[in-house]
Amino acid sequence: MNIGERIIQLRKECNISQSELAKKTAMSRTIIGNYERNANTPSIEVLAKLAKVFNVSLDFLIGEGEIASFNKDVLKRIEGIQNLDTDTKNHLFFIIDTVIQHFNTKKAFLK
């Protein structure tokens, strides 16, 4: 997915128009449209504004890096987990693994 497609996807997920996004980022609706059509490439400053409005990381917005698929809420939780002691992390990982296993079993059963 290119940057333009990602901007469209995020804008629709946030249920905001091009005009609303333009206001939130202090840009014109025409510029937003150009970014979405990949007619122009946003600068790093513009990407930072867009990431802030959409509450995602720059990696997520441009679709690069290991954590490109994580939104900021997921990243905040991961950072919090990093600060836990080993026993608490192991307990949390057990819970997460159990929930994931349950979800996958349920998903497989419903097919």
PDB file of N, CA and C in Angstrom:
ATOM      1  N   MET A   1       0.845  -1.176   0.000  1.00  0.00           N
ATOM      2  CA  MET A   1       0.000   0.000   0.000  1.00  0.00           C
ATOM      3  C   MET A   1       0.895   1.246   0.000  1.00  0.00           C
ATOM      4  N   ASN A   2       0.617   2.195  -0.887  1.00  0.00           N
ATOM      5  CA  ASN A   2       1.424   3.400  -0.936  1.00  0.00           C
ATOM      6  C   ASN A   2       0.896   4.453   0.049  1.00  0.00           C
ATOM      7  N   ILE A   3       1.618   5.556   0.168  1.00  0.00           N
ATOM      8  CA  ILE A   3       1.264   6.577   1.158  1.00  0.00           C
ATOM      9  C   ILE A   3      -0.129   7.142   0.892  1.00  0.00           C
ATOM     10  N   GLY A   4      -0.430   7.407  -0.374  1.00  0.00           N
ATOM     11  CA  GLY A   4      -1.752   7.938  -0.712  1.00  0.00           C
ATOM     12  C   GLY A   4      -2.873   7.015  -0.279  1.00  0.00           C
ATOM     13  N   GLU A   5      -2.714   5.720  -0.563  1.00  0.00           N
ATOM     14  CA  GLU A   5      -3.727   4.732  -0.159  1.00  0.00           C
ATOM     15  C   GLU A   5      -3.837   4.655   1.359  1.00  0.00           C
ATOM     16  N   ARG A   6      -2.701   4.752   2.036  1.00  0.00           N
ATOM     17  CA  ARG A   6      -2.708   4.691   3.502  1.00  0.00           C
ATOM     18  C   ARG A   6      -3.439   5.906   4.083  1.00  0.00           C
ATOM     19  N   ILE A   7      -3.213   7.098   3.488  1.00  0.00           N
ATOM     20  CA  ILE A   7      -3.899   8.300   3.963  1.00  0.00           C
ATOM     21  C   ILE A   7      -5.406   8.151   3.776  1.00  0.00           C
ATOM     22  N   ILE A   8      -5.815   7.655   2.619  1.00  0.00           N
ATOM     23  CA  ILE A   8      -7.251   7.435   2.362  1.00  0.00           C
ATOM     24  C   ILE A   8      -7.815   6.458   3.380  1.00  0.00           C
ATOM     25  N   GLN A   9      -7.121   5.348   3.599  1.00  0.00           N
ATOM     26  CA  GLN A   9      -7.586   4.327   4.536  1.00  0.00           C
ATOM     27  C   GLN A   9      -7.756   4.913   5.928  1.00  0.00           C
ATOM     28  N   LEU A  10      -6.746   5.618   6.405  1.00  0.00           N
ATOM     29  CA  LEU A  10      -6.799   6.188   7.752  1.00  0.00           C
ATOM     30  C   LEU A  10      -7.872   7.268   7.859  1.00  0.00           C
ATOM     31  N   ARG A  11      -8.003   8.081   6.829  1.00  0.00           N
ATOM     32  CA  ARG A  11      -9.006   9.138   6.844  1.00  0.00           C
ATOM     33  C   ARG A  11     -10.404   8.535   6.931  1.00  0.00           C
ATOM     34  N   LYS A  12     -10.642   7.475   6.166  1.00  0.00           N
ATOM     35  CA  LYS A  12     -11.956   6.808   6.201  1.00  0.00           C
ATOM     36  C   LYS A  12     -12.197   6.116   7.539  1.00  0.00           C
ATOM     37  N   GLU A  13     -11.153   5.490   8.095  1.00  0.00           N
ATOM     38  CA  GLU A  13     -11.289   4.853   9.411  1.00  0.00           C
ATOM     39  C   GLU A  13     -11.637   5.876  10.485  1.00  0.00           C
ATOM     40  N   CYS A  14     -11.097   7.085  10.341  1.00  0.00           N
ATOM     41  CA  CYS A  14     -11.370   8.162  11.303  1.00  0.00           C
ATOM     42  C   CYS A  14     -12.650   8.920  10.958  1.00  0.00           C
ATOM     43  N   ASN A  15     -13.252   8.550   9.826  1.00  0.00           N
ATOM     44  CA  ASN A  15     -14.501   9.155   9.383  1.00  0.00           C
ATOM     45  C   ASN A  15     -14.391  10.676   9.248  1.00  0.00           C
ATOM     46  N   ILE A  16     -13.316  11.120   8.577  1.00  0.00           N
ATOM     47  CA  ILE A  16     -13.157  12.554   8.338  1.00  0.00           C
ATOM     48  C   ILE A  16     -12.973  12.804   6.850  1.00  0.00           C
ATOM     49  N   SER A  17     -13.444  13.940   6.396  1.00  0.00           N
ATOM     50  CA  SER A  17     -13.339  14.307   4.985  1.00  0.00           C
ATOM     51  C   SER A  17     -11.957  14.885   4.693  1.00  0.00           C
ATOM     52  N   GLN A  18     -11.678  15.056   3.415  1.00  0.00           N
ATOM     53  CA  GLN A  18     -10.431  15.703   3.024  1.00  0.00           C
ATOM     54  C   GLN A  18     -10.374  17.119   3.599  1.00  0.00           C
ATOM     55  N   SER A  19     -11.502  17.812   3.572  1.00  0.00           N
ATOM     56  CA  SER A  19     -11.550  19.186   4.105  1.00  0.00           C
ATOM     57  C   SER A  19     -11.250  19.213   5.591  1.00  0.00           C
ATOM     58  N   GLU A  20     -11.818  18.264   6.348  1.00  0.00           N
ATOM     59  CA  GLU A  20     -11.556  18.202   7.788  1.00  0.00           C
ATOM     60  C   GLU A  20     -10.091  17.888   8.061  1.00  0.00           C
ATOM     61  N   LEU A  21      -9.525  16.963   7.286  1.00  0.00           N
ATOM     62  CA  LEU A  21      -8.117  16.622   7.454  1.00  0.00           C
ATOM     63  C   LEU A  21      -7.247  17.827   7.123  1.00  0.00           C
ATOM     64  N   ALA A  22      -7.623  18.558   6.084  1.00  0.00           N
ATOM     65  CA  ALA A  22      -6.872  19.756   5.711  1.00  0.00           C
ATOM     66  C   ALA A  22      -6.863  20.765   6.852  1.00  0.00           C
ATOM     67  N   LYS A  23      -8.002  20.961   7.494  1.00  0.00           N
ATOM     68  CA  LYS A  23      -8.076  21.907   8.620  1.00  0.00           C
ATOM     69  C   LYS A  23      -7.212  21.438   9.783  1.00  0.00           C
ATOM     70  N   LYS A  24      -7.270  20.157  10.074  1.00  0.00           N
ATOM     71  CA  LYS A  24      -6.522  19.620  11.213  1.00  0.00           C
ATOM     72  C   LYS A  24      -5.010  19.679  11.001  1.00  0.00           C
ATOM     73  N   THR A  25      -4.595  19.721   9.748  1.00  0.00           N
ATOM     74  CA  THR A  25      -3.163  19.725   9.445  1.00  0.00           C
ATOM     75  C   THR A  25      -2.679  21.065   8.883  1.00  0.00           C
ATOM     76  N   ALA A  26      -3.580  22.035   8.837  1.00  0.00           N
ATOM     77  CA  ALA A  26      -3.263  23.380   8.315  1.00  0.00           C
ATOM     78  C   ALA A  26      -2.768  23.319   6.863  1.00  0.00           C
ATOM     79  N   MET A  27      -3.458  22.509   6.057  1.00  0.00           N
ATOM     80  CA  MET A  27      -3.157  22.391   4.632  1.00  0.00           C
ATOM     81  C   MET A  27      -4.441  22.634   3.853  1.00  0.00           C
ATOM     82  N   SER A  28      -4.326  22.656   2.535  1.00  0.00           N
ATOM     83  CA  SER A  28      -5.520  22.803   1.713  1.00  0.00           C
ATOM     84  C   SER A  28      -6.087  21.428   1.355  1.00  0.00           C
ATOM     85  N   ARG A  29      -7.378  21.397   1.024  1.00  0.00           N
ATOM     86  CA  ARG A  29      -8.010  20.158   0.618  1.00  0.00           C
ATOM     87  C   ARG A  29      -7.374  19.656  -0.683  1.00  0.00           C
ATOM     88  N   THR A  30      -6.974  20.575  -1.542  1.00  0.00           N
ATOM     89  CA  THR A  30      -6.333  20.212  -2.807  1.00  0.00           C
ATOM     90  C   THR A  30      -5.029  19.454  -2.559  1.00  0.00           C
ATOM     91  N   ILE A  31      -4.239  19.929  -1.620  1.00  0.00           N
ATOM     92  CA  ILE A  31      -2.976  19.254  -1.289  1.00  0.00           C
ATOM     93  C   ILE A  31      -3.258  17.851  -0.753  1.00  0.00           C
ATOM     94  N   ILE A  32      -4.255  17.733   0.142  1.00  0.00           N
ATOM     95  CA  ILE A  32      -4.616  16.406   0.667  1.00  0.00           C
ATOM     96  C   ILE A  32      -4.992  15.487  -0.497  1.00  0.00           C
ATOM     97  N   GLY A  33      -5.805  15.985  -1.415  1.00  0.00           N
ATOM     98  CA  GLY A  33      -6.191  15.194  -2.590  1.00  0.00           C
ATOM     99  C   GLY A  33      -4.984  14.776  -3.419  1.00  0.00           C
ATOM    100  N   ASN A  34      -4.033  15.689  -3.583  1.00  0.00           N
ATOM    101  CA  ASN A  34      -2.808  15.361  -4.324  1.00  0.00           C
ATOM    102  C   ASN A  34      -2.012  14.262  -3.631  1.00  0.00           C
ATOM    103  N   TYR A  35      -1.934  14.328  -2.305  1.00  0.00           N
ATOM    104  CA  TYR A  35      -1.231  13.276  -1.564  1.00  0.00           C
ATOM    105  C   TYR A  35      -1.941  11.936  -1.739  1.00  0.00           C
ATOM    106  N   GLU A  36      -3.276  11.964  -1.665  1.00  0.00           N
ATOM    107  CA  GLU A  36      -4.039  10.718  -1.784  1.00  0.00           C
ATOM    108  C   GLU A  36      -3.920  10.109  -3.178  1.00  0.00           C
ATOM    109  N   ARG A  37      -3.776  10.942  -4.201  1.00  0.00           N
ATOM    110  CA  ARG A  37      -3.607  10.454  -5.569  1.00  0.00           C
ATOM    111  C   ARG A  37      -2.147  10.189  -5.900  1.00  0.00           C
ATOM    112  N   ASN A  38      -1.267  10.421  -4.945  1.00  0.00           N
ATOM    113  CA  ASN A  38       0.181  10.275  -5.140  1.00  0.00           C
ATOM    114  C   ASN A  38       0.711  11.214  -6.219  1.00  0.00           C
ATOM    115  N   ALA A  39       0.024  12.344  -6.404  1.00  0.00           N
ATOM    116  CA  ALA A  39       0.500  13.365  -7.341  1.00  0.00           C
ATOM    117  C   ALA A  39       1.634  14.164  -6.706  1.00  0.00           C
ATOM    118  N   ASN A  40       1.609  14.284  -5.395  1.00  0.00           N
ATOM    119  CA  ASN A  40       2.666  14.929  -4.614  1.00  0.00           C
ATOM    120  C   ASN A  40       3.067  13.980  -3.501  1.00  0.00           C
ATOM    121  N   THR A  41       4.303  14.086  -3.069  1.00  0.00           N
ATOM    122  CA  THR A  41       4.781  13.296  -1.937  1.00  0.00           C
ATOM    123  C   THR A  41       4.910  14.213  -0.729  1.00  0.00           C
ATOM    124  N   PRO A  42       4.274  13.841   0.386  1.00  0.00           N
ATOM    125  CA  PRO A  42       4.354  14.702   1.577  1.00  0.00           C
ATOM    126  C   PRO A  42       5.769  14.759   2.150  1.00  0.00           C
ATOM    127  N   SER A  43       6.117  15.919   2.670  1.00  0.00           N
ATOM    128  CA  SER A  43       7.401  16.079   3.358  1.00  0.00           C
ATOM    129  C   SER A  43       7.342  15.346   4.695  1.00  0.00           C
ATOM    130  N   ILE A  44       8.476  15.214   5.335  1.00  0.00           N
ATOM    131  CA  ILE A  44       8.517  14.568   6.647  1.00  0.00           C
ATOM    132  C   ILE A  44       7.692  15.359   7.655  1.00  0.00           C
ATOM    133  N   GLU A  45       7.688  16.687   7.536  1.00  0.00           N
ATOM    134  CA  GLU A  45       6.891  17.523   8.445  1.00  0.00           C
ATOM    135  C   GLU A  45       5.408  17.250   8.253  1.00  0.00           C
ATOM    136  N   VAL A  46       4.979  17.132   7.005  1.00  0.00           N
ATOM    137  CA  VAL A  46       3.573  16.841   6.709  1.00  0.00           C
ATOM    138  C   VAL A  46       3.217  15.438   7.200  1.00  0.00           C
ATOM    139  N   LEU A  47       4.097  14.473   6.961  1.00  0.00           N
ATOM    140  CA  LEU A  47       3.855  13.109   7.439  1.00  0.00           C
ATOM    141  C   LEU A  47       3.712  13.079   8.956  1.00  0.00           C
ATOM    142  N   ALA A  48       4.523  13.871   9.648  1.00  0.00           N
ATOM    143  CA  ALA A  48       4.427  13.933  11.111  1.00  0.00           C
ATOM    144  C   ALA A  48       3.077  14.498  11.531  1.00  0.00           C
ATOM    145  N   LYS A  49       2.591  15.528  10.843  1.00  0.00           N
ATOM    146  CA  LYS A  49       1.267  16.088  11.155  1.00  0.00           C
ATOM    147  C   LYS A  49       0.171  15.056  10.927  1.00  0.00           C
ATOM    148  N   LEU A  50       0.263  14.359   9.792  1.00  0.00           N
ATOM    149  CA  LEU A  50      -0.740  13.342   9.471  1.00  0.00           C
ATOM    150  C   LEU A  50      -0.715  12.207  10.501  1.00  0.00           C
ATOM    151  N   ALA A  51       0.477  11.765  10.866  1.00  0.00           N
ATOM    152  CA  ALA A  51       0.602  10.694  11.858  1.00  0.00           C
ATOM    153  C   ALA A  51      -0.026  11.116  13.181  1.00  0.00           C
ATOM    154  N   LYS A  52       0.164  12.369  13.561  1.00  0.00           N
ATOM    155  CA  LYS A  52      -0.407  12.868  14.810  1.00  0.00           C
ATOM    156  C   LYS A  52      -1.926  12.901  14.735  1.00  0.00           C
ATOM    157  N   VAL A  53      -2.478  13.380  13.634  1.00  0.00           N
ATOM    158  CA  VAL A  53      -3.933  13.428  13.473  1.00  0.00           C
ATOM    159  C   VAL A  53      -4.525  12.020  13.520  1.00  0.00           C
ATOM    160  N   PHE A  54      -3.880  11.075  12.849  1.00  0.00           N
ATOM    161  CA  PHE A  54      -4.396   9.710  12.781  1.00  0.00           C
ATOM    162  C   PHE A  54      -3.989   8.850  13.981  1.00  0.00           C
ATOM    163  N   ASN A  55      -3.148   9.388  14.855  1.00  0.00           N
ATOM    164  CA  ASN A  55      -2.666   8.668  16.029  1.00  0.00           C
ATOM    165  C   ASN A  55      -1.957   7.362  15.643  1.00  0.00           C
ATOM    166  N   VAL A  56      -1.059   7.489  14.661  1.00  0.00           N
ATOM    167  CA  VAL A  56      -0.248   6.355  14.223  1.00  0.00           C
ATOM    168  C   VAL A  56       1.208   6.788  14.183  1.00  0.00           C
ATOM    169  N   SER A  57       2.112   5.829  14.082  1.00  0.00           N
ATOM    170  CA  SER A  57       3.539   6.154  13.961  1.00  0.00           C
ATOM    171  C   SER A  57       3.846   6.503  12.503  1.00  0.00           C
ATOM    172  N   LEU A  58       4.981   7.165  12.303  1.00  0.00           N
ATOM    173  CA  LEU A  58       5.425   7.440  10.934  1.00  0.00           C
ATOM    174  C   LEU A  58       5.648   6.138  10.169  1.00  0.00           C
ATOM    175  N   ASP A  59       6.210   5.137  10.834  1.00  0.00           N
ATOM    176  CA  ASP A  59       6.415   3.830  10.202  1.00  0.00           C
ATOM    177  C   ASP A  59       5.101   3.275   9.676  1.00  0.00           C
ATOM    178  N   PHE A  60       4.063   3.372  10.495  1.00  0.00           N
ATOM    179  CA  PHE A  60       2.751   2.866  10.090  1.00  0.00           C
ATOM    180  C   PHE A  60       2.233   3.646   8.888  1.00  0.00           C
ATOM    181  N   LEU A  61       2.371   4.961   8.937  1.00  0.00           N
ATOM    182  CA  LEU A  61       1.854   5.811   7.868  1.00  0.00           C
ATOM    183  C   LEU A  61       2.519   5.510   6.533  1.00  0.00           C
ATOM    184  N   ILE A  62       3.820   5.311   6.544  1.00  0.00           N
ATOM    185  CA  ILE A  62       4.515   5.055   5.272  1.00  0.00           C
ATOM    186  C   ILE A  62       4.648   3.565   4.964  1.00  0.00           C
ATOM    187  N   GLY A  63       4.215   2.710   5.895  1.00  0.00           N
ATOM    188  CA  GLY A  63       4.229   1.272   5.647  1.00  0.00           C
ATOM    189  C   GLY A  63       5.603   0.650   5.629  1.00  0.00           C
ATOM    190  N   GLU A  64       6.516   1.199   6.424  1.00  0.00           N
ATOM    191  CA  GLU A  64       7.893   0.697   6.458  1.00  0.00           C
ATOM    192  C   GLU A  64       8.263   0.257   7.868  1.00  0.00           C
ATOM    193  N   GLY A  65       9.254  -0.594   7.965  1.00  0.00           N
ATOM    194  CA  GLY A  65       9.788  -1.009   9.254  1.00  0.00           C
ATOM    195  C   GLY A  65       9.044  -2.183   9.852  1.00  0.00           C
ATOM    196  N   GLU A  66       9.647  -2.762  10.864  1.00  0.00           N
ATOM    197  CA  GLU A  66       9.079  -3.931  11.532  1.00  0.00           C
ATOM    198  C   GLU A  66       7.736  -3.640  12.172  1.00  0.00           C
ATOM    199  N   ILE A  67       7.578  -2.432  12.684  1.00  0.00           N
ATOM    200  CA  ILE A  67       6.368  -2.119  13.436  1.00  0.00           C
ATOM    201  C   ILE A  67       5.359  -1.312  12.625  1.00  0.00           C
ATOM    202  N   ALA A  68       5.493  -1.362  11.314  1.00  0.00           N
ATOM    203  CA  ALA A  68       4.639  -0.552  10.447  1.00  0.00           C
ATOM    204  C   ALA A  68       3.158  -0.870  10.608  1.00  0.00           C
ATOM    205  N   SER A  69       2.826  -2.078  11.012  1.00  0.00           N
ATOM    206  CA  SER A  69       1.414  -2.434  11.131  1.00  0.00           C
ATOM    207  C   SER A  69       0.832  -2.111  12.509  1.00  0.00           C
ATOM    208  N   PHE A  70       1.630  -1.565  13.414  1.00  0.00           N
ATOM    209  CA  PHE A  70       1.153  -1.261  14.761  1.00  0.00           C
ATOM    210  C   PHE A  70       0.716   0.190  14.860  1.00  0.00           C
ATOM    211  N   ASN A  71      -0.453   0.431  15.480  1.00  0.00           N
ATOM    212  CA  ASN A  71      -0.833   1.813  15.736  1.00  0.00           C
ATOM    213  C   ASN A  71      -0.244   2.251  17.074  1.00  0.00           C
ATOM    214  N   LYS A  72      -0.410   3.513  17.406  1.00  0.00           N
ATOM    215  CA  LYS A  72       0.236   4.044  18.610  1.00  0.00           C
ATOM    216  C   LYS A  72      -0.264   3.381  19.885  1.00  0.00           C
ATOM    217  N   ASP A  73      -1.530   2.993  19.943  1.00  0.00           N
ATOM    218  CA  ASP A  73      -2.038   2.337  21.142  1.00  0.00           C
ATOM    219  C   ASP A  73      -1.311   1.023  21.396  1.00  0.00           C
ATOM    220  N   VAL A  74      -1.073   0.266  20.334  1.00  0.00           N
ATOM    221  CA  VAL A  74      -0.339  -1.000  20.464  1.00  0.00           C
ATOM    222  C   VAL A  74       1.101  -0.718  20.893  1.00  0.00           C
ATOM    223  N   LEU A  75       1.715   0.277  20.270  1.00  0.00           N
ATOM    224  CA  LEU A  75       3.105   0.604  20.606  1.00  0.00           C
ATOM    225  C   LEU A  75       3.244   1.053  22.057  1.00  0.00           C
ATOM    226  N   LYS A  76       2.291   1.824  22.571  1.00  0.00           N
ATOM    227  CA  LYS A  76       2.338   2.258  23.972  1.00  0.00           C
ATOM    228  C   LYS A  76       2.278   1.051  24.906  1.00  0.00           C
ATOM    229  N   ARG A  77       1.449   0.088  24.551  1.00  0.00           N
ATOM    230  CA  ARG A  77       1.341  -1.117  25.379  1.00  0.00           C
ATOM    231  C   ARG A  77       2.639  -1.924  25.337  1.00  0.00           C
ATOM    232  N   ILE A  78       3.215  -2.019  24.153  1.00  0.00           N
ATOM    233  CA  ILE A  78       4.482  -2.744  24.033  1.00  0.00           C
ATOM    234  C   ILE A  78       5.566  -2.074  24.869  1.00  0.00           C
ATOM    235  N   GLU A  79       5.608  -0.750  24.817  1.00  0.00           N
ATOM    236  CA  GLU A  79       6.585  -0.020  25.638  1.00  0.00           C
ATOM    237  C   GLU A  79       6.345  -0.282  27.121  1.00  0.00           C
ATOM    238  N   GLY A  80       5.079  -0.331  27.526  1.00  0.00           N
ATOM    239  CA  GLY A  80       4.757  -0.618  28.922  1.00  0.00           C
ATOM    240  C   GLY A  80       5.200  -2.009  29.336  1.00  0.00           C
ATOM    241  N   ILE A  81       5.024  -2.962  28.450  1.00  0.00           N
ATOM    242  CA  ILE A  81       5.440  -4.336  28.733  1.00  0.00           C
ATOM    243  C   ILE A  81       6.953  -4.407  28.918  1.00  0.00           C
ATOM    244  N   GLN A  82       7.690  -3.657  28.121  1.00  0.00           N
ATOM    245  CA  GLN A  82       9.147  -3.640  28.229  1.00  0.00           C
ATOM    246  C   GLN A  82       9.619  -3.248  29.628  1.00  0.00           C
ATOM    247  N   ASN A  83       8.833  -2.441  30.325  1.00  0.00           N
ATOM    248  CA  ASN A  83       9.222  -1.948  31.646  1.00  0.00           C
ATOM    249  C   ASN A  83       8.843  -2.884  32.790  1.00  0.00           C
ATOM    250  N   LEU A  84       8.131  -3.973  32.492  1.00  0.00           N
ATOM    251  CA  LEU A  84       7.702  -4.901  33.540  1.00  0.00           C
ATOM    252  C   LEU A  84       8.850  -5.814  33.972  1.00  0.00           C
ATOM    253  N   ASP A  85       8.743  -6.318  35.188  1.00  0.00           N
ATOM    254  CA  ASP A  85       9.727  -7.303  35.645  1.00  0.00           C
ATOM    255  C   ASP A  85       9.479  -8.630  34.926  1.00  0.00           C
ATOM    256  N   THR A  86      10.451  -9.512  34.940  1.00  0.00           N
ATOM    257  CA  THR A  86      10.406 -10.751  34.177  1.00  0.00           C
ATOM    258  C   THR A  86       9.215 -11.622  34.539  1.00  0.00           C
ATOM    259  N   ASP A  87       8.919 -11.793  35.835  1.00  0.00           N
ATOM    260  CA  ASP A  87       7.795 -12.630  36.246  1.00  0.00           C
ATOM    261  C   ASP A  87       6.473 -12.075  35.720  1.00  0.00           C
ATOM    262  N   THR A  88       6.298 -10.765  35.808  1.00  0.00           N
ATOM    263  CA  THR A  88       5.064 -10.144  35.335  1.00  0.00           C
ATOM    264  C   THR A  88       4.951 -10.276  33.820  1.00  0.00           C
ATOM    265  N   LYS A  89       6.068 -10.092  33.103  1.00  0.00           N
ATOM    266  CA  LYS A  89       6.055 -10.274  31.653  1.00  0.00           C
ATOM    267  C   LYS A  89       5.641 -11.701  31.296  1.00  0.00           C
ATOM    268  N   ASN A  90       6.237 -12.681  31.962  1.00  0.00           N
ATOM    269  CA  ASN A  90       5.913 -14.077  31.669  1.00  0.00           C
ATOM    270  C   ASN A  90       4.443 -14.372  31.924  1.00  0.00           C
ATOM    271  N   HIS A  91       3.896 -13.820  32.990  1.00  0.00           N
ATOM    272  CA  HIS A  91       2.476 -14.005  33.294  1.00  0.00           C
ATOM    273  C   HIS A  91       1.619 -13.361  32.195  1.00  0.00           C
ATOM    274  N   LEU A  92       1.976 -12.156  31.814  1.00  0.00           N
ATOM    275  CA  LEU A  92       1.238 -11.455  30.768  1.00  0.00           C
ATOM    276  C   LEU A  92       1.327 -12.202  29.439  1.00  0.00           C
ATOM    277  N   PHE A  93       2.499 -12.705  29.085  1.00  0.00           N
ATOM    278  CA  PHE A  93       2.656 -13.454  27.847  1.00  0.00           C
ATOM    279  C   PHE A  93       1.804 -14.724  27.850  1.00  0.00           C
ATOM    280  N   PHE A  94       1.708 -15.377  29.002  1.00  0.00           N
ATOM    281  CA  PHE A  94       0.857 -16.561  29.115  1.00  0.00           C
ATOM    282  C   PHE A  94      -0.597 -16.193  28.830  1.00  0.00           C
ATOM    283  N   ILE A  95      -1.044 -15.088  29.400  1.00  0.00           N
ATOM    284  CA  ILE A  95      -2.424 -14.636  29.180  1.00  0.00           C
ATOM    285  C   ILE A  95      -2.646 -14.286  27.708  1.00  0.00           C
ATOM    286  N   ILE A  96      -1.725 -13.539  27.126  1.00  0.00           N
ATOM    287  CA  ILE A  96      -1.845 -13.151  25.719  1.00  0.00           C
ATOM    288  C   ILE A  96      -1.865 -14.381  24.825  1.00  0.00           C
ATOM    289  N   ASP A  97      -0.962 -15.321  25.072  1.00  0.00           N
ATOM    290  CA  ASP A  97      -0.906 -16.545  24.269  1.00  0.00           C
ATOM    291  C   ASP A  97      -2.209 -17.330  24.372  1.00  0.00           C
ATOM    292  N   THR A  98      -2.787 -17.391  25.560  1.00  0.00           N
ATOM    293  CA  THR A  98      -4.045 -18.099  25.767  1.00  0.00           C
ATOM    294  C   THR A  98      -5.181 -17.430  24.988  1.00  0.00           C
ATOM    295  N   VAL A  99      -5.244 -16.127  25.048  1.00  0.00           N
ATOM    296  CA  VAL A  99      -6.294 -15.397  24.323  1.00  0.00           C
ATOM    297  C   VAL A  99      -6.139 -15.596  22.815  1.00  0.00           C
ATOM    298  N   ILE A 100      -4.913 -15.513  22.314  1.00  0.00           N
ATOM    299  CA  ILE A 100      -4.673 -15.702  20.882  1.00  0.00           C
ATOM    300  C   ILE A 100      -5.044 -17.120  20.455  1.00  0.00           C
ATOM    301  N   GLN A 101      -4.654 -18.091  21.253  1.00  0.00           N
ATOM    302  CA  GLN A 101      -4.979 -19.480  20.939  1.00  0.00           C
ATOM    303  C   GLN A 101      -6.499 -19.681  20.922  1.00  0.00           C
ATOM    304  N   HIS A 102      -7.192 -19.110  21.890  1.00  0.00           N
ATOM    305  CA  HIS A 102      -8.650 -19.208  21.948  1.00  0.00           C
ATOM    306  C   HIS A 102      -9.276 -18.572  20.713  1.00  0.00           C
ATOM    307  N   PHE A 103      -8.789 -17.394  20.342  1.00  0.00           N
ATOM    308  CA  PHE A 103      -9.310 -16.695  19.164  1.00  0.00           C
ATOM    309  C   PHE A 103      -9.110 -17.528  17.902  1.00  0.00           C
ATOM    310  N   ASN A 104      -7.911 -18.070  17.719  1.00  0.00           N
ATOM    311  CA  ASN A 104      -7.616 -18.868  16.527  1.00  0.00           C
ATOM    312  C   ASN A 104      -8.438 -20.143  16.481  1.00  0.00           C
ATOM    313  N   THR A 105      -8.649 -20.781  17.620  1.00  0.00           N
ATOM    314  CA  THR A 105      -9.478 -21.988  17.691  1.00  0.00           C
ATOM    315  C   THR A 105     -10.917 -21.656  17.329  1.00  0.00           C
ATOM    316  N   LYS A 106     -11.418 -20.586  17.883  1.00  0.00           N
ATOM    317  CA  LYS A 106     -12.784 -20.134  17.607  1.00  0.00           C
ATOM    318  C   LYS A 106     -12.953 -19.803  16.128  1.00  0.00           C
ATOM    319  N   LYS A 107     -11.988 -19.109  15.554  1.00  0.00           N
ATOM    320  CA  LYS A 107     -12.015 -18.733  14.150  1.00  0.00           C
ATOM    321  C   LYS A 107     -12.012 -19.985  13.256  1.00  0.00           C
ATOM    322  N   ALA A 108     -11.177 -20.965  13.599  1.00  0.00           N
ATOM    323  CA  ALA A 108     -11.088 -22.199  12.820  1.00  0.00           C
ATOM    324  C   ALA A 108     -12.380 -23.002  12.919  1.00  0.00           C
ATOM    325  N   PHE A 109     -12.997 -22.989  14.091  1.00  0.00           N
ATOM    326  CA  PHE A 109     -14.222 -23.742  14.318  1.00  0.00           C
ATOM    327  C   PHE A 109     -15.384 -23.150  13.533  1.00  0.00           C
ATOM    328  N   LEU A 110     -15.417 -21.833  13.375  1.00  0.00           N
ATOM    329  CA  LEU A 110     -16.523 -21.156  12.703  1.00  0.00           C
ATOM    330  C   LEU A 110     -16.462 -21.264  11.178  1.00  0.00           C
ATOM    331  N   LYS A 111     -15.325 -21.723  10.648  1.00  0.00           N
ATOM    332  CA  LYS A 111     -15.204 -21.835   9.184  1.00  0.00           C
ATOM    333  C   LYS A 111     -15.959 -23.002   8.643  1.00  0.00           C
TER     334      LYS A 111
END
